[in-house]
Amino acid sequence: MKINEVCKLTGLTKKAIEYYQIKKLISPIVGENGYRDFTEEDVERLKTIAILKKLDLSIDEIKQVPESKDRNSVITKIRYAKQLQAKLNGIF
C-alpha cells in the first residue's frame, strides 16, 4: 500500500513515516518508480511506534521493543528507568 493510505491507517504524517524509515524502524519495498510499498507488517509496526511515542519512548528505546521476545517486559523496564531518572533529576 502507498504512503497516503498508511497515513490514514496509522494517524502518522508522511514526514514521521519517512523519519521512521530513515531510522530503520520500517523497511518498505521501494519499486523501480521510487514509490514505497508498505506491507501490513509495516503498518502494524508503525501503529506500535505511534503508541510507544505517546509513552514518551525515544527512537533508541523503541528499537528495543520489536527485537525483544517479551515486549511488555521491555516497555516496563524502559518506563521504570525513565521514572527513576526523573526522580534523580528532581533530587539533584
C-alpha atoms as a PDB file:
ATOM      1  CA  MET A   1       0.000   0.000   0.000  1.00  0.00           C
ATOM      2  CA  LYS A   2       1.096   3.577  -0.623  1.00  0.00           C
ATOM      3  CA  ILE A   3       2.075   6.140   1.982  1.00  0.00           C
ATOM      4  CA  ASN A   4      -1.203   8.098   1.835  1.00  0.00           C
ATOM      5  CA  GLU A   5      -3.159   5.024   2.872  1.00  0.00           C
ATOM      6  CA  VAL A   6      -0.606   4.235   5.587  1.00  0.00           C
ATOM      7  CA  CYS A   7      -1.004   7.773   6.957  1.00  0.00           C
ATOM      8  CA  LYS A   8      -4.770   7.273   7.198  1.00  0.00           C
ATOM      9  CA  LEU A   9      -4.424   3.876   8.891  1.00  0.00           C
ATOM     10  CA  THR A  10      -1.795   4.939  11.427  1.00  0.00           C
ATOM     11  CA  GLY A  11      -2.583   8.607  12.051  1.00  0.00           C
ATOM     12  CA  LEU A  12       1.057   9.444  11.307  1.00  0.00           C
ATOM     13  CA  THR A  13       2.298  12.106   8.923  1.00  0.00           C
ATOM     14  CA  LYS A  14       4.335  11.357   5.809  1.00  0.00           C
ATOM     15  CA  LYS A  15       7.262  13.122   7.438  1.00  0.00           C
ATOM     16  CA  ALA A  16       7.037  10.896  10.530  1.00  0.00           C
ATOM     17  CA  ILE A  17       6.845   7.748   8.428  1.00  0.00           C
ATOM     18  CA  GLU A  18       9.851   8.833   6.372  1.00  0.00           C
ATOM     19  CA  TYR A  19      11.749   9.548   9.601  1.00  0.00           C
ATOM     20  CA  TYR A  20      10.998   6.064  10.928  1.00  0.00           C
ATOM     21  CA  GLN A  21      12.203   4.634   7.634  1.00  0.00           C
ATOM     22  CA  ILE A  22      15.461   6.617   7.890  1.00  0.00           C
ATOM     23  CA  LYS A  23      15.887   5.330  11.457  1.00  0.00           C
ATOM     24  CA  LYS A  24      15.376   1.792  10.088  1.00  0.00           C
ATOM     25  CA  LEU A  25      12.297   1.063  12.176  1.00  0.00           C
ATOM     26  CA  ILE A  26      10.466   0.060   8.992  1.00  0.00           C
ATOM     27  CA  SER A  27      11.694  -1.108   5.604  1.00  0.00           C
ATOM     28  CA  PRO A  28       9.061  -0.710   2.912  1.00  0.00           C
ATOM     29  CA  ILE A  29       9.713  -2.127  -0.531  1.00  0.00           C
ATOM     30  CA  VAL A  30      10.862   0.557  -2.960  1.00  0.00           C
ATOM     31  CA  GLY A  31       9.712  -0.008  -6.533  1.00  0.00           C
ATOM     32  CA  GLU A  32      11.529   0.893  -9.727  1.00  0.00           C
ATOM     33  CA  ASN A  33       9.467   4.073  -9.859  1.00  0.00           C
ATOM     34  CA  GLY A  34      10.788   5.073  -6.408  1.00  0.00           C
ATOM     35  CA  TYR A  35       7.408   4.624  -4.724  1.00  0.00           C
ATOM     36  CA  ARG A  36       7.405   2.867  -1.385  1.00  0.00           C
ATOM     37  CA  ASP A  37       5.082  -0.077  -0.938  1.00  0.00           C
ATOM     38  CA  PHE A  38       4.202  -0.694   2.697  1.00  0.00           C
ATOM     39  CA  THR A  39       3.173  -4.125   3.943  1.00  0.00           C
ATOM     40  CA  GLU A  40       0.614  -4.916   6.633  1.00  0.00           C
ATOM     41  CA  GLU A  41       3.587  -5.660   8.891  1.00  0.00           C
ATOM     42  CA  ASP A  42       4.943  -2.138   8.263  1.00  0.00           C
ATOM     43  CA  VAL A  43       1.545  -0.671   9.149  1.00  0.00           C
ATOM     44  CA  GLU A  44       1.298  -2.681  12.376  1.00  0.00           C
ATOM     45  CA  ARG A  45       4.828  -1.691  13.315  1.00  0.00           C
ATOM     46  CA  LEU A  46       4.005   1.975  12.672  1.00  0.00           C
ATOM     47  CA  LYS A  47       0.922   1.698  14.871  1.00  0.00           C
ATOM     48  CA  THR A  48       3.106   0.264  17.634  1.00  0.00           C
ATOM     49  CA  ILE A  49       5.658   3.032  17.141  1.00  0.00           C
ATOM     50  CA  ALA A  50       2.923   5.658  17.433  1.00  0.00           C
ATOM     51  CA  ILE A  51       1.788   4.187  20.757  1.00  0.00           C
ATOM     52  CA  LEU A  52       5.334   3.955  22.075  1.00  0.00           C
ATOM     53  CA  LYS A  53       5.990   7.586  21.118  1.00  0.00           C
ATOM     54  CA  LYS A  54       2.910   8.554  23.141  1.00  0.00           C
ATOM     55  CA  LEU A  55       4.544   6.750  26.073  1.00  0.00           C
ATOM     56  CA  ASP A  56       7.491   9.130  25.562  1.00  0.00           C
ATOM     57  CA  LEU A  57       9.960   6.475  24.412  1.00  0.00           C
ATOM     58  CA  SER A  58      12.922   7.569  22.322  1.00  0.00           C
ATOM     59  CA  ILE A  59      13.780   6.045  18.953  1.00  0.00           C
ATOM     60  CA  ASP A  60      16.584   4.012  20.543  1.00  0.00           C
ATOM     61  CA  GLU A  61      14.177   2.711  23.161  1.00  0.00           C
ATOM     62  CA  ILE A  62      11.557   1.927  20.538  1.00  0.00           C
ATOM     63  CA  LYS A  63      14.118  -0.103  18.587  1.00  0.00           C
ATOM     64  CA  GLN A  64      14.497  -2.409  21.603  1.00  0.00           C
ATOM     65  CA  VAL A  65      10.821  -3.364  21.661  1.00  0.00           C
ATOM     66  CA  PRO A  66      10.374  -5.305  18.372  1.00  0.00           C
ATOM     67  CA  GLU A  67      13.710  -7.053  18.903  1.00  0.00           C
ATOM     68  CA  SER A  68      12.523  -8.451  22.232  1.00  0.00           C
ATOM     69  CA  LYS A  69      10.591 -11.649  22.757  1.00  0.00           C
ATOM     70  CA  ASP A  70       8.751 -10.046  25.685  1.00  0.00           C
ATOM     71  CA  ARG A  71       7.667  -6.578  24.552  1.00  0.00           C
ATOM     72  CA  ASN A  72       5.739  -5.780  27.713  1.00  0.00           C
ATOM     73  CA  SER A  73       8.737  -6.520  29.889  1.00  0.00           C
ATOM     74  CA  VAL A  74      10.988  -4.272  27.805  1.00  0.00           C
ATOM     75  CA  ILE A  75       8.475  -1.422  27.861  1.00  0.00           C
ATOM     76  CA  THR A  76       8.030  -1.779  31.616  1.00  0.00           C
ATOM     77  CA  LYS A  77      11.803  -1.688  32.179  1.00  0.00           C
ATOM     78  CA  ILE A  78      12.232   1.380  29.977  1.00  0.00           C
ATOM     79  CA  ARG A  79       9.399   3.250  31.681  1.00  0.00           C
ATOM     80  CA  TYR A  80      10.751   2.320  35.120  1.00  0.00           C
ATOM     81  CA  ALA A  81      14.213   3.576  34.158  1.00  0.00           C
ATOM     82  CA  LYS A  82      12.658   6.846  32.944  1.00  0.00           C
ATOM     83  CA  GLN A  83      10.779   7.257  36.220  1.00  0.00           C
ATOM     84  CA  LEU A  84      13.940   6.664  38.216  1.00  0.00           C
ATOM     85  CA  GLN A  85      15.840   9.152  36.081  1.00  0.00           C
ATOM     86  CA  ALA A  86      13.102  11.732  36.594  1.00  0.00           C
ATOM     87  CA  LYS A  87      13.273  11.232  40.369  1.00  0.00           C
ATOM     88  CA  LEU A  88      17.057  11.529  40.330  1.00  0.00           C
ATOM     89  CA  ASN A  89      16.830  14.713  38.293  1.00  0.00           C
ATOM     90  CA  GLY A  90      14.438  16.124  40.901  1.00  0.00           C
ATOM     91  CA  ILE A  91      16.845  15.292  43.744  1.00  0.00           C
ATOM     92  CA  PHE A  92      19.998  16.710  42.216  1.00  0.00           C
END
